[in-house]
């Protein structure tokens, strides 16, 4: 699933698109930019089965993950298909510790986010 990621001078907003809006059970997530630690592209996030408790959200194991997940005492937000290369946004002092997202160009968006948080 695709997500629209909007950056402003002081915040990052994720808006799930299409069915992702319904399947994640979230309209949007907004976090202060000061809470973003880094953004990376993950090539190995699906190299092992996702062992996490989902609440609320949707899952087709091995295919699609959407919503809030709890893994090893960490709260994650996912909206990504297994066939996508996920953008992983690390957060601190925010509702979630990680946002794992399917986006059109994860490498370019990770660079854009990392530049924004250094300013």
PDB file of N, CA and C in Angstrom:
ATOM      1  N   UNK A   1       0.839  -1.182   0.000  1.00  0.00           N
ATOM      2  CA  UNK A   1       0.000   0.000   0.000  1.00  0.00           C
ATOM      3  C   UNK A   1       0.877   1.234   0.000  1.00  0.00           C
ATOM      4  N   UNK A   2       0.368   2.281  -0.542  1.00  0.00           N
ATOM      5  CA  UNK A   2       1.114   3.528  -0.621  1.00  0.00           C
ATOM      6  C   UNK A   2       0.708   4.465   0.505  1.00  0.00           C
ATOM      7  N   UNK A   3       1.639   5.313   0.853  1.00  0.00           N
ATOM      8  CA  UNK A   3       1.429   6.327   1.873  1.00  0.00           C
ATOM      9  C   UNK A   3       1.921   7.655   1.324  1.00  0.00           C
ATOM     10  N   UNK A   4       1.241   8.702   1.665  1.00  0.00           N
ATOM     11  CA  UNK A   4       1.677  10.051   1.335  1.00  0.00           C
ATOM     12  C   UNK A   4       2.395  10.581   2.565  1.00  0.00           C
ATOM     13  N   UNK A   5       3.642  10.998   2.397  1.00  0.00           N
ATOM     14  CA  UNK A   5       4.422  11.546   3.507  1.00  0.00           C
ATOM     15  C   UNK A   5       4.649  13.020   3.223  1.00  0.00           C
ATOM     16  N   UNK A   6       4.207  13.856   4.156  1.00  0.00           N
ATOM     17  CA  UNK A   6       4.337  15.303   4.012  1.00  0.00           C
ATOM     18  C   UNK A   6       5.308  15.823   5.060  1.00  0.00           C
ATOM     19  N   UNK A   7       6.251  16.638   4.615  1.00  0.00           N
ATOM     20  CA  UNK A   7       7.204  17.277   5.516  1.00  0.00           C
ATOM     21  C   UNK A   7       6.943  18.771   5.553  1.00  0.00           C
ATOM     22  N   UNK A   8       6.924  19.321   6.762  1.00  0.00           N
ATOM     23  CA  UNK A   8       6.884  20.775   6.919  1.00  0.00           C
ATOM     24  C   UNK A   8       8.117  21.157   7.722  1.00  0.00           C
ATOM     25  N   UNK A   9       8.248  22.426   8.051  1.00  0.00           N
ATOM     26  CA  UNK A   9       9.403  22.876   8.825  1.00  0.00           C
ATOM     27  C   UNK A   9       9.466  22.226  10.197  1.00  0.00           C
ATOM     28  N   UNK A  10       8.330  21.824  10.742  1.00  0.00           N
ATOM     29  CA  UNK A  10       8.332  21.303  12.108  1.00  0.00           C
ATOM     30  C   UNK A  10       7.597  19.974  12.307  1.00  0.00           C
ATOM     31  N   UNK A  11       7.105  19.346  11.225  1.00  0.00           N
ATOM     32  CA  UNK A  11       6.393  18.077  11.419  1.00  0.00           C
ATOM     33  C   UNK A  11       6.515  17.158  10.210  1.00  0.00           C
ATOM     34  N   UNK A  12       6.219  15.889  10.478  1.00  0.00           N
ATOM     35  CA  UNK A  12       6.151  14.867   9.451  1.00  0.00           C
ATOM     36  C   UNK A  12       4.770  14.230   9.579  1.00  0.00           C
ATOM     37  N   UNK A  13       4.060  14.152   8.473  1.00  0.00           N
ATOM     38  CA  UNK A  13       2.717  13.576   8.481  1.00  0.00           C
ATOM     39  C   UNK A  13       2.659  12.426   7.493  1.00  0.00           C
ATOM     40  N   UNK A  14       2.083  11.312   7.923  1.00  0.00           N
ATOM     41  CA  UNK A  14       1.878  10.142   7.071  1.00  0.00           C
ATOM     42  C   UNK A  14       0.380   9.977   6.869  1.00  0.00           C
ATOM     43  N   UNK A  15      -0.039   9.916   5.608  1.00  0.00           N
ATOM     44  CA  UNK A  15      -1.445   9.721   5.274  1.00  0.00           C
ATOM     45  C   UNK A  15      -1.557   8.456   4.421  1.00  0.00           C
ATOM     46  N   UNK A  16      -2.094   7.366   4.988  1.00  0.00           N
ATOM     47  CA  UNK A  16      -2.308   6.160   4.182  1.00  0.00           C
ATOM     48  C   UNK A  16      -3.258   6.468   3.018  1.00  0.00           C
ATOM     49  N   UNK A  17      -2.943   5.923   1.855  1.00  0.00           N
ATOM     50  CA  UNK A  17      -3.731   6.187   0.659  1.00  0.00           C
ATOM     51  C   UNK A  17      -4.601   4.989   0.299  1.00  0.00           C
ATOM     52  N   UNK A  18      -5.683   5.236  -0.403  1.00  0.00           N
ATOM     53  CA  UNK A  18      -6.556   4.179  -0.895  1.00  0.00           C
ATOM     54  C   UNK A  18      -7.115   3.316   0.220  1.00  0.00           C
ATOM     55  N   UNK A  19      -7.102   2.008   0.011  1.00  0.00           N
ATOM     56  CA  UNK A  19      -7.610   1.069   1.013  1.00  0.00           C
ATOM     57  C   UNK A  19      -6.778   1.090   2.289  1.00  0.00           C
ATOM     58  N   UNK A  20      -5.525   1.518   2.189  1.00  0.00           N
ATOM     59  CA  UNK A  20      -4.670   1.611   3.366  1.00  0.00           C
ATOM     60  C   UNK A  20      -5.262   2.505   4.435  1.00  0.00           C
ATOM     61  N   UNK A  21      -5.987   3.515   3.992  1.00  0.00           N
ATOM     62  CA  UNK A  21      -6.662   4.424   4.929  1.00  0.00           C
ATOM     63  C   UNK A  21      -7.648   3.655   5.808  1.00  0.00           C
ATOM     64  N   UNK A  22      -8.333   2.706   5.216  1.00  0.00           N
ATOM     65  CA  UNK A  22      -9.321   1.902   5.950  1.00  0.00           C
ATOM     66  C   UNK A  22      -8.636   0.762   6.698  1.00  0.00           C
ATOM     67  N   UNK A  23      -7.710   0.071   6.052  1.00  0.00           N
ATOM     68  CA  UNK A  23      -7.098  -1.119   6.629  1.00  0.00           C
ATOM     69  C   UNK A  23      -6.164  -0.819   7.810  1.00  0.00           C
ATOM     70  N   UNK A  24      -5.576   0.358   7.845  1.00  0.00           N
ATOM     71  CA  UNK A  24      -4.705   0.712   8.968  1.00  0.00           C
ATOM     72  C   UNK A  24      -5.500   1.204  10.167  1.00  0.00           C
ATOM     73  N   UNK A  25      -6.746   1.573   9.925  1.00  0.00           N
ATOM     74  CA  UNK A  25      -7.602   2.162  10.955  1.00  0.00           C
ATOM     75  C   UNK A  25      -7.019   3.463  11.490  1.00  0.00           C
ATOM     76  N   UNK A  26      -6.294   4.171  10.627  1.00  0.00           N
ATOM     77  CA  UNK A  26      -5.723   5.471  10.965  1.00  0.00           C
ATOM     78  C   UNK A  26      -5.958   6.413   9.797  1.00  0.00           C
ATOM     79  N   UNK A  27      -6.388   7.616  10.104  1.00  0.00           N
ATOM     80  CA  UNK A  27      -6.541   8.619   9.057  1.00  0.00           C
ATOM     81  C   UNK A  27      -5.208   9.220   8.674  1.00  0.00           C
ATOM     82  N   UNK A  28      -4.411   9.543   9.695  1.00  0.00           N
ATOM     83  CA  UNK A  28      -3.079  10.082   9.461  1.00  0.00           C
ATOM     84  C   UNK A  28      -2.303  10.052  10.770  1.00  0.00           C
ATOM     85  N   UNK A  29      -1.009  10.154  10.645  1.00  0.00           N
ATOM     86  CA  UNK A  29      -0.116  10.223  11.798  1.00  0.00           C
ATOM     87  C   UNK A  29       0.740  11.456  11.610  1.00  0.00           C
ATOM     88  N   UNK A  30       0.769  12.325  12.603  1.00  0.00           N
ATOM     89  CA  UNK A  30       1.612  13.507  12.555  1.00  0.00           C
ATOM     90  C   UNK A  30       2.536  13.481  13.762  1.00  0.00           C
ATOM     91  N   UNK A  31       3.832  13.652  13.504  1.00  0.00           N
ATOM     92  CA  UNK A  31       4.814  13.710  14.586  1.00  0.00           C
ATOM     93  C   UNK A  31       5.675  14.946  14.406  1.00  0.00           C
ATOM     94  N   UNK A  32       6.074  15.564  15.514  1.00  0.00           N
ATOM     95  CA  UNK A  32       6.999  16.699  15.403  1.00  0.00           C
ATOM     96  C   UNK A  32       8.308  16.221  14.775  1.00  0.00           C
ATOM     97  N   UNK A  33       8.894  17.027  13.928  1.00  0.00           N
ATOM     98  CA  UNK A  33      10.142  16.668  13.265  1.00  0.00           C
ATOM     99  C   UNK A  33      11.259  16.425  14.286  1.00  0.00           C
ATOM    100  N   UNK A  34      11.177  17.093  15.437  1.00  0.00           N
ATOM    101  CA  UNK A  34      12.204  16.906  16.471  1.00  0.00           C
ATOM    102  C   UNK A  34      12.163  15.494  17.061  1.00  0.00           C
ATOM    103  N   UNK A  35      11.084  14.743  16.829  1.00  0.00           N
ATOM    104  CA  UNK A  35      10.962  13.369  17.317  1.00  0.00           C
ATOM    105  C   UNK A  35      11.463  12.340  16.313  1.00  0.00           C
ATOM    106  N   UNK A  36      11.865  12.778  15.130  1.00  0.00           N
ATOM    107  CA  UNK A  36      12.363  11.864  14.101  1.00  0.00           C
ATOM    108  C   UNK A  36      13.872  11.707  14.279  1.00  0.00           C
ATOM    109  N   UNK A  37      14.316  10.467  14.476  1.00  0.00           N
ATOM    110  CA  UNK A  37      15.739  10.186  14.662  1.00  0.00           C
ATOM    111  C   UNK A  37      16.436  10.007  13.330  1.00  0.00           C
ATOM    112  N   UNK A  38      15.864   9.151  12.465  1.00  0.00           N
ATOM    113  CA  UNK A  38      16.442   8.920  11.141  1.00  0.00           C
ATOM    114  C   UNK A  38      15.444   8.173  10.273  1.00  0.00           C
ATOM    115  N   UNK A  39      15.725   8.182   8.992  1.00  0.00           N
ATOM    116  CA  UNK A  39      14.928   7.433   8.022  1.00  0.00           C
ATOM    117  C   UNK A  39      15.877   6.570   7.211  1.00  0.00           C
ATOM    118  N   UNK A  40      15.496   5.310   7.015  1.00  0.00           N
ATOM    119  CA  UNK A  40      16.315   4.387   6.247  1.00  0.00           C
ATOM    120  C   UNK A  40      15.425   3.567   5.322  1.00  0.00           C
ATOM    121  N   UNK A  41      16.064   2.894   4.398  1.00  0.00           N
ATOM    122  CA  UNK A  41      15.376   1.957   3.519  1.00  0.00           C
ATOM    123  C   UNK A  41      15.786   0.571   3.980  1.00  0.00           C
ATOM    124  N   UNK A  42      14.822  -0.284   4.223  1.00  0.00           N
ATOM    125  CA  UNK A  42      15.103  -1.623   4.741  1.00  0.00           C
ATOM    126  C   UNK A  42      14.939  -2.663   3.646  1.00  0.00           C
ATOM    127  N   UNK A  43      15.977  -3.446   3.463  1.00  0.00           N
ATOM    128  CA  UNK A  43      15.884  -4.542   2.496  1.00  0.00           C
ATOM    129  C   UNK A  43      15.692  -5.874   3.197  1.00  0.00           C
ATOM    130  N   UNK A  44      15.782  -5.883   4.530  1.00  0.00           N
ATOM    131  CA  UNK A  44      15.703  -7.156   5.243  1.00  0.00           C
ATOM    132  C   UNK A  44      14.553  -7.247   6.242  1.00  0.00           C
ATOM    133  N   UNK A  45      13.674  -6.268   6.262  1.00  0.00           N
ATOM    134  CA  UNK A  45      12.616  -6.258   7.272  1.00  0.00           C
ATOM    135  C   UNK A  45      11.692  -7.469   7.148  1.00  0.00           C
ATOM    136  N   UNK A  46      11.552  -7.989   5.941  1.00  0.00           N
ATOM    137  CA  UNK A  46      10.703  -9.156   5.739  1.00  0.00           C
ATOM    138  C   UNK A  46      11.522 -10.436   5.537  1.00  0.00           C
ATOM    139  N   UNK A  47      12.790 -10.398   5.914  1.00  0.00           N
ATOM    140  CA  UNK A  47      13.626 -11.593   5.759  1.00  0.00           C
ATOM    141  C   UNK A  47      13.243 -12.676   6.764  1.00  0.00           C
ATOM    142  N   UNK A  48      12.521 -12.297   7.796  1.00  0.00           N
ATOM    143  CA  UNK A  48      12.022 -13.252   8.783  1.00  0.00           C
ATOM    144  C   UNK A  48      10.552 -12.926   9.035  1.00  0.00           C
ATOM    145  N   UNK A  49       9.796 -13.883   9.534  1.00  0.00           N
ATOM    146  CA  UNK A  49       8.372 -13.620   9.798  1.00  0.00           C
ATOM    147  C   UNK A  49       8.198 -12.499  10.829  1.00  0.00           C
ATOM    148  N   UNK A  50       7.212 -11.675  10.614  1.00  0.00           N
ATOM    149  CA  UNK A  50       6.902 -10.605  11.558  1.00  0.00           C
ATOM    150  C   UNK A  50       6.188 -11.221  12.756  1.00  0.00           C
ATOM    151  N   UNK A  51       6.867 -11.233  13.883  1.00  0.00           N
ATOM    152  CA  UNK A  51       6.278 -11.780  15.107  1.00  0.00           C
ATOM    153  C   UNK A  51       5.892 -10.608  15.985  1.00  0.00           C
ATOM    154  N   UNK A  52       4.671 -10.164  15.812  1.00  0.00           N
ATOM    155  CA  UNK A  52       4.192  -8.988  16.528  1.00  0.00           C
ATOM    156  C   UNK A  52       2.702  -9.135  16.781  1.00  0.00           C
ATOM    157  N   UNK A  53       2.256  -8.475  17.818  1.00  0.00           N
ATOM    158  CA  UNK A  53       0.840  -8.443  18.160  1.00  0.00           C
ATOM    159  C   UNK A  53       0.215  -7.251  17.452  1.00  0.00           C
ATOM    160  N   UNK A  54      -0.836  -7.472  16.701  1.00  0.00           N
ATOM    161  CA  UNK A  54      -1.488  -6.418  15.917  1.00  0.00           C
ATOM    162  C   UNK A  54      -2.725  -5.925  16.651  1.00  0.00           C
ATOM    163  N   UNK A  55      -2.810  -4.608  16.851  1.00  0.00           N
ATOM    164  CA  UNK A  55      -3.991  -4.060  17.514  1.00  0.00           C
ATOM    165  C   UNK A  55      -4.025  -2.544  17.414  1.00  0.00           C
ATOM    166  N   UNK A  56      -4.867  -1.969  16.674  1.00  0.00           N
ATOM    167  CA  UNK A  56      -5.752  -2.512  15.654  1.00  0.00           C
ATOM    168  C   UNK A  56      -5.040  -2.519  14.306  1.00  0.00           C
ATOM    169  N   UNK A  57      -5.597  -3.228  13.364  1.00  0.00           N
ATOM    170  CA  UNK A  57      -5.018  -3.239  12.036  1.00  0.00           C
ATOM    171  C   UNK A  57      -5.432  -4.454  11.244  1.00  0.00           C
ATOM    172  N   UNK A  58      -4.708  -4.682  10.152  1.00  0.00           N
ATOM    173  CA  UNK A  58      -5.012  -5.737   9.210  1.00  0.00           C
ATOM    174  C   UNK A  58      -3.721  -6.455   8.857  1.00  0.00           C
ATOM    175  N   UNK A  59      -3.811  -7.752   8.653  1.00  0.00           N
ATOM    176  CA  UNK A  59      -2.631  -8.506   8.270  1.00  0.00           C
ATOM    177  C   UNK A  59      -3.014  -9.643   7.354  1.00  0.00           C
ATOM    178  N   UNK A  60      -2.264  -9.785   6.288  1.00  0.00           N
ATOM    179  CA  UNK A  60      -2.285 -10.980   5.464  1.00  0.00           C
ATOM    180  C   UNK A  60      -0.851 -11.483   5.573  1.00  0.00           C
ATOM    181  N   UNK A  61      -0.588 -12.410   6.503  1.00  0.00           N
ATOM    182  CA  UNK A  61       0.792 -12.806   6.804  1.00  0.00           C
ATOM    183  C   UNK A  61       1.612 -13.122   5.554  1.00  0.00           C
ATOM    184  N   UNK A  62       2.778 -12.501   5.503  1.00  0.00           N
ATOM    185  CA  UNK A  62       3.677 -12.685   4.378  1.00  0.00           C
ATOM    186  C   UNK A  62       3.336 -11.860   3.154  1.00  0.00           C
ATOM    187  N   UNK A  63       2.224 -11.117   3.206  1.00  0.00           N
ATOM    188  CA  UNK A  63       1.788 -10.352   2.032  1.00  0.00           C
ATOM    189  C   UNK A  63       1.637  -8.864   2.341  1.00  0.00           C
ATOM    190  N   UNK A  64       0.889  -8.534   3.393  1.00  0.00           N
ATOM    191  CA  UNK A  64       0.541  -7.142   3.664  1.00  0.00           C
ATOM    192  C   UNK A  64       0.345  -6.935   5.163  1.00  0.00           C
ATOM    193  N   UNK A  65       0.884  -5.834   5.670  1.00  0.00           N
ATOM    194  CA  UNK A  65       0.749  -5.481   7.082  1.00  0.00           C
ATOM    195  C   UNK A  65       0.286  -4.030   7.175  1.00  0.00           C
ATOM    196  N   UNK A  66      -0.742  -3.796   7.959  1.00  0.00           N
ATOM    197  CA  UNK A  66      -1.271  -2.439   8.095  1.00  0.00           C
ATOM    198  C   UNK A  66      -1.790  -2.234   9.509  1.00  0.00           C
ATOM    199  N   UNK A  67      -1.424  -1.106  10.108  1.00  0.00           N
ATOM    200  CA  UNK A  67      -1.948  -0.767  11.416  1.00  0.00           C
ATOM    201  C   UNK A  67      -0.882  -0.704  12.485  1.00  0.00           C
ATOM    202  N   UNK A  68      -1.322  -0.819  13.730  1.00  0.00           N
ATOM    203  CA  UNK A  68      -0.444  -0.727  14.890  1.00  0.00           C
ATOM    204  C   UNK A  68      -0.023  -2.129  15.318  1.00  0.00           C
ATOM    205  N   UNK A  69       1.270  -2.302  15.518  1.00  0.00           N
ATOM    206  CA  UNK A  69       1.826  -3.580  15.939  1.00  0.00           C
ATOM    207  C   UNK A  69       2.708  -3.365  17.164  1.00  0.00           C
ATOM    208  N   UNK A  70       2.759  -4.378  18.012  1.00  0.00           N
ATOM    209  CA  UNK A  70       3.613  -4.355  19.196  1.00  0.00           C
ATOM    210  C   UNK A  70       4.589  -5.513  19.068  1.00  0.00           C
ATOM    211  N   UNK A  71       5.879  -5.188  19.102  1.00  0.00           N
ATOM    212  CA  UNK A  71       6.915  -6.209  18.962  1.00  0.00           C
ATOM    213  C   UNK A  71       8.024  -5.918  19.960  1.00  0.00           C
ATOM    214  N   UNK A  72       8.288  -6.865  20.848  1.00  0.00           N
ATOM    215  CA  UNK A  72       9.346  -6.705  21.862  1.00  0.00           C
ATOM    216  C   UNK A  72       9.221  -5.392  22.625  1.00  0.00           C
ATOM    217  N   UNK A  73       8.024  -5.082  23.079  1.00  0.00           N
ATOM    218  CA  UNK A  73       7.729  -3.866  23.847  1.00  0.00           C
ATOM    219  C   UNK A  73       7.912  -2.580  23.035  1.00  0.00           C
ATOM    220  N   UNK A  74       7.903  -2.690  21.724  1.00  0.00           N
ATOM    221  CA  UNK A  74       7.998  -1.523  20.854  1.00  0.00           C
ATOM    222  C   UNK A  74       6.695  -1.378  20.087  1.00  0.00           C
ATOM    223  N   UNK A  75       6.236  -0.148  19.952  1.00  0.00           N
ATOM    224  CA  UNK A  75       5.003   0.127  19.208  1.00  0.00           C
ATOM    225  C   UNK A  75       5.386   0.600  17.806  1.00  0.00           C
ATOM    226  N   UNK A  76       4.879  -0.108  16.801  1.00  0.00           N
ATOM    227  CA  UNK A  76       5.202   0.170  15.406  1.00  0.00           C
ATOM    228  C   UNK A  76       3.941   0.481  14.630  1.00  0.00           C
ATOM    229  N   UNK A  77       4.089   1.278  13.577  1.00  0.00           N
ATOM    230  CA  UNK A  77       2.996   1.481  12.628  1.00  0.00           C
ATOM    231  C   UNK A  77       3.481   0.967  11.287  1.00  0.00           C
ATOM    232  N   UNK A  78       2.712   0.074  10.686  1.00  0.00           N
ATOM    233  CA  UNK A  78       3.061  -0.479   9.385  1.00  0.00           C
ATOM    234  C   UNK A  78       1.943  -0.235   8.390  1.00  0.00           C
ATOM    235  N   UNK A  79       2.320   0.074   7.182  1.00  0.00           N
ATOM    236  CA  UNK A  79       1.406   0.070   6.045  1.00  0.00           C
ATOM    237  C   UNK A  79       2.267  -0.220   4.826  1.00  0.00           C
ATOM    238  N   UNK A  80       2.479  -1.519   4.592  1.00  0.00           N
ATOM    239  CA  UNK A  80       3.431  -1.929   3.575  1.00  0.00           C
ATOM    240  C   UNK A  80       3.111  -3.336   3.075  1.00  0.00           C
ATOM    241  N   UNK A  81       3.334  -3.537   1.783  1.00  0.00           N
ATOM    242  CA  UNK A  81       3.238  -4.867   1.182  1.00  0.00           C
ATOM    243  C   UNK A  81       4.628  -5.494   1.205  1.00  0.00           C
ATOM    244  N   UNK A  82       4.656  -6.785   1.287  1.00  0.00           N
ATOM    245  CA  UNK A  82       5.932  -7.498   1.296  1.00  0.00           C
ATOM    246  C   UNK A  82       6.728  -7.238   0.015  1.00  0.00           C
ATOM    247  N   UNK A  83       6.071  -6.981  -1.084  1.00  0.00           N
ATOM    248  CA  UNK A  83       6.751  -6.753  -2.362  1.00  0.00           C
ATOM    249  C   UNK A  83       7.371  -5.363  -2.458  1.00  0.00           C
ATOM    250  N   UNK A  84       7.082  -4.483  -1.503  1.00  0.00           N
ATOM    251  CA  UNK A  84       7.643  -3.134  -1.508  1.00  0.00           C
ATOM    252  C   UNK A  84       8.937  -3.085  -0.716  1.00  0.00           C
ATOM    253  N   UNK A  85       9.795  -2.144  -1.050  1.00  0.00           N
ATOM    254  CA  UNK A  85      10.972  -1.860  -0.237  1.00  0.00           C
ATOM    255  C   UNK A  85      10.540  -0.819   0.782  1.00  0.00           C
ATOM    256  N   UNK A  86      10.504  -1.182   2.066  1.00  0.00           N
ATOM    257  CA  UNK A  86       9.943  -0.270   3.065  1.00  0.00           C
ATOM    258  C   UNK A  86      10.855   0.889   3.445  1.00  0.00           C
ATOM    259  N   UNK A  87      10.227   2.020   3.676  1.00  0.00           N
ATOM    260  CA  UNK A  87      10.857   3.169   4.301  1.00  0.00           C
ATOM    261  C   UNK A  87      10.633   2.990   5.802  1.00  0.00           C
ATOM    262  N   UNK A  88      11.701   3.052   6.587  1.00  0.00           N
ATOM    263  CA  UNK A  88      11.604   2.893   8.037  1.00  0.00           C
ATOM    264  C   UNK A  88      12.007   4.218   8.681  1.00  0.00           C
ATOM    265  N   UNK A  89      11.075   4.799   9.421  1.00  0.00           N
ATOM    266  CA  UNK A  89      11.330   6.076  10.103  1.00  0.00           C
ATOM    267  C   UNK A  89      11.409   5.796  11.594  1.00  0.00           C
ATOM    268  N   UNK A  90      12.577   6.062  12.178  1.00  0.00           N
ATOM    269  CA  UNK A  90      12.815   5.870  13.615  1.00  0.00           C
ATOM    270  C   UNK A  90      12.356   7.118  14.355  1.00  0.00           C
ATOM    271  N   UNK A  91      11.625   6.915  15.446  1.00  0.00           N
ATOM    272  CA  UNK A  91      11.105   8.034  16.240  1.00  0.00           C
ATOM    273  C   UNK A  91      11.521   7.883  17.699  1.00  0.00           C
ATOM    274  N   UNK A  92      11.490   8.979  18.424  1.00  0.00           N
ATOM    275  CA  UNK A  92      11.674   8.958  19.878  1.00  0.00           C
ATOM    276  C   UNK A  92      10.682   9.937  20.484  1.00  0.00           C
ATOM    277  N   UNK A  93      10.267   9.652  21.703  1.00  0.00           N
ATOM    278  CA  UNK A  93       9.308  10.513  22.410  1.00  0.00           C
ATOM    279  C   UNK A  93       8.052  10.774  21.579  1.00  0.00           C
ATOM    280  N   UNK A  94       7.588   9.739  20.886  1.00  0.00           N
ATOM    281  CA  UNK A  94       6.393   9.841  20.051  1.00  0.00           C
ATOM    282  C   UNK A  94       5.512   8.619  20.327  1.00  0.00           C
ATOM    283  N   UNK A  95       4.328   8.608  19.764  1.00  0.00           N
ATOM    284  CA  UNK A  95       3.404   7.491  19.973  1.00  0.00           C
ATOM    285  C   UNK A  95       3.999   6.174  19.486  1.00  0.00           C
ATOM    286  N   UNK A  96       4.679   6.211  18.341  1.00  0.00           N
ATOM    287  CA  UNK A  96       5.288   5.020  17.756  1.00  0.00           C
ATOM    288  C   UNK A  96       6.808   5.136  17.822  1.00  0.00           C
ATOM    289  N   UNK A  97       7.481   3.981  17.842  1.00  0.00           N
ATOM    290  CA  UNK A  97       8.940   3.972  17.783  1.00  0.00           C
ATOM    291  C   UNK A  97       9.438   3.860  16.351  1.00  0.00           C
ATOM    292  N   UNK A  98       8.621   3.246  15.491  1.00  0.00           N
ATOM    293  CA  UNK A  98       8.965   3.126  14.082  1.00  0.00           C
ATOM    294  C   UNK A  98       7.717   3.244  13.226  1.00  0.00           C
ATOM    295  N   UNK A  99       7.897   3.871  12.062  1.00  0.00           N
ATOM    296  CA  UNK A  99       6.887   3.880  11.014  1.00  0.00           C
ATOM    297  C   UNK A  99       7.498   3.095   9.865  1.00  0.00           C
ATOM    298  N   UNK A 100       6.840   2.042   9.432  1.00  0.00           N
ATOM    299  CA  UNK A 100       7.345   1.193   8.359  1.00  0.00           C
ATOM    300  C   UNK A 100       6.344   1.306   7.220  1.00  0.00           C
ATOM    301  N   UNK A 101       6.786   1.952   6.139  1.00  0.00           N
ATOM    302  CA  UNK A 101       5.842   2.419   5.122  1.00  0.00           C
ATOM    303  C   UNK A 101       6.223   1.997   3.716  1.00  0.00           C
ATOM    304  N   UNK A 102       5.215   1.745   2.916  1.00  0.00           N
ATOM    305  CA  UNK A 102       5.392   1.586   1.486  1.00  0.00           C
ATOM    306  C   UNK A 102       5.193   2.955   0.841  1.00  0.00           C
ATOM    307  N   UNK A 103       6.208   3.403   0.106  1.00  0.00           N
ATOM    308  CA  UNK A 103       6.142   4.697  -0.584  1.00  0.00           C
ATOM    309  C   UNK A 103       6.696   4.523  -1.995  1.00  0.00           C
ATOM    310  N   UNK A 104       6.451   5.503  -2.825  1.00  0.00           N
ATOM    311  CA  UNK A 104       6.859   5.421  -4.224  1.00  0.00           C
ATOM    312  C   UNK A 104       8.375   5.349  -4.389  1.00  0.00           C
ATOM    313  N   UNK A 105       9.125   6.219  -3.733  1.00  0.00           N
ATOM    314  CA  UNK A 105      10.584   6.247  -3.854  1.00  0.00           C
ATOM    315  C   UNK A 105      11.191   6.319  -2.458  1.00  0.00           C
ATOM    316  N   UNK A 106      11.360   5.177  -1.799  1.00  0.00           N
ATOM    317  CA  UNK A 106      11.816   5.191  -0.408  1.00  0.00           C
ATOM    318  C   UNK A 106      13.206   5.796  -0.223  1.00  0.00           C
ATOM    319  N   UNK A 107      14.118   5.583  -1.167  1.00  0.00           N
ATOM    320  CA  UNK A 107      15.474   6.111  -1.029  1.00  0.00           C
ATOM    321  C   UNK A 107      15.473   7.629  -1.055  1.00  0.00           C
ATOM    322  N   UNK A 108      14.786   8.219  -2.002  1.00  0.00           N
ATOM    323  CA  UNK A 108      14.730   9.680  -2.097  1.00  0.00           C
ATOM    324  C   UNK A 108      14.026  10.281  -0.890  1.00  0.00           C
ATOM    325  N   UNK A 109      12.955   9.651  -0.436  1.00  0.00           N
ATOM    326  CA  UNK A 109      12.219  10.175   0.715  1.00  0.00           C
ATOM    327  C   UNK A 109      13.046  10.058   1.989  1.00  0.00           C
ATOM    328  N   UNK A 110      13.786   8.969   2.155  1.00  0.00           N
ATOM    329  CA  UNK A 110      14.663   8.826   3.327  1.00  0.00           C
ATOM    330  C   UNK A 110      15.697   9.940   3.345  1.00  0.00           C
ATOM    331  N   UNK A 111      16.291  10.232   2.201  1.00  0.00           N
ATOM    332  CA  UNK A 111      17.268  11.323   2.115  1.00  0.00           C
ATOM    333  C   UNK A 111      16.632  12.665   2.458  1.00  0.00           C
ATOM    334  N   UNK A 112      15.443  12.898   1.941  1.00  0.00           N
ATOM    335  CA  UNK A 112      14.744  14.161   2.185  1.00  0.00           C
ATOM    336  C   UNK A 112      14.438  14.324   3.691  1.00  0.00           C
ATOM    337  N   UNK A 113      13.997  13.255   4.326  1.00  0.00           N
ATOM    338  CA  UNK A 113      13.700  13.305   5.754  1.00  0.00           C
ATOM    339  C   UNK A 113      14.969  13.553   6.564  1.00  0.00           C
ATOM    340  N   UNK A 114      16.039  12.836   6.232  1.00  0.00           N
ATOM    341  CA  UNK A 114      17.297  12.984   6.954  1.00  0.00           C
ATOM    342  C   UNK A 114      17.871  14.391   6.821  1.00  0.00           C
ATOM    343  N   UNK A 115      17.734  14.998   5.667  1.00  0.00           N
ATOM    344  CA  UNK A 115      18.170  16.386   5.491  1.00  0.00           C
ATOM    345  C   UNK A 115      17.315  17.308   6.354  1.00  0.00           C
ATOM    346  N   UNK A 116      16.017  17.097   6.358  1.00  0.00           N
ATOM    347  CA  UNK A 116      15.099  17.959   7.135  1.00  0.00           C
ATOM    348  C   UNK A 116      15.376  17.899   8.628  1.00  0.00           C
ATOM    349  N   UNK A 117      15.716  16.733   9.154  1.00  0.00           N
ATOM    350  CA  UNK A 117      15.919  16.629  10.607  1.00  0.00           C
ATOM    351  C   UNK A 117      17.278  17.170  11.034  1.00  0.00           C
ATOM    352  N   UNK A 118      18.193  17.355  10.098  1.00  0.00           N
ATOM    353  CA  UNK A 118      19.509  17.936  10.422  1.00  0.00           C
ATOM    354  C   UNK A 118      19.490  19.443  10.426  1.00  0.00           C
ATOM    355  N   UNK A 119      18.448  20.037   9.915  1.00  0.00           N
ATOM    356  CA  UNK A 119      18.397  21.508   9.816  1.00  0.00           C
ATOM    357  C   UNK A 119      17.933  22.129  11.105  1.00  0.00           C
TER     358      UNK A 119
END
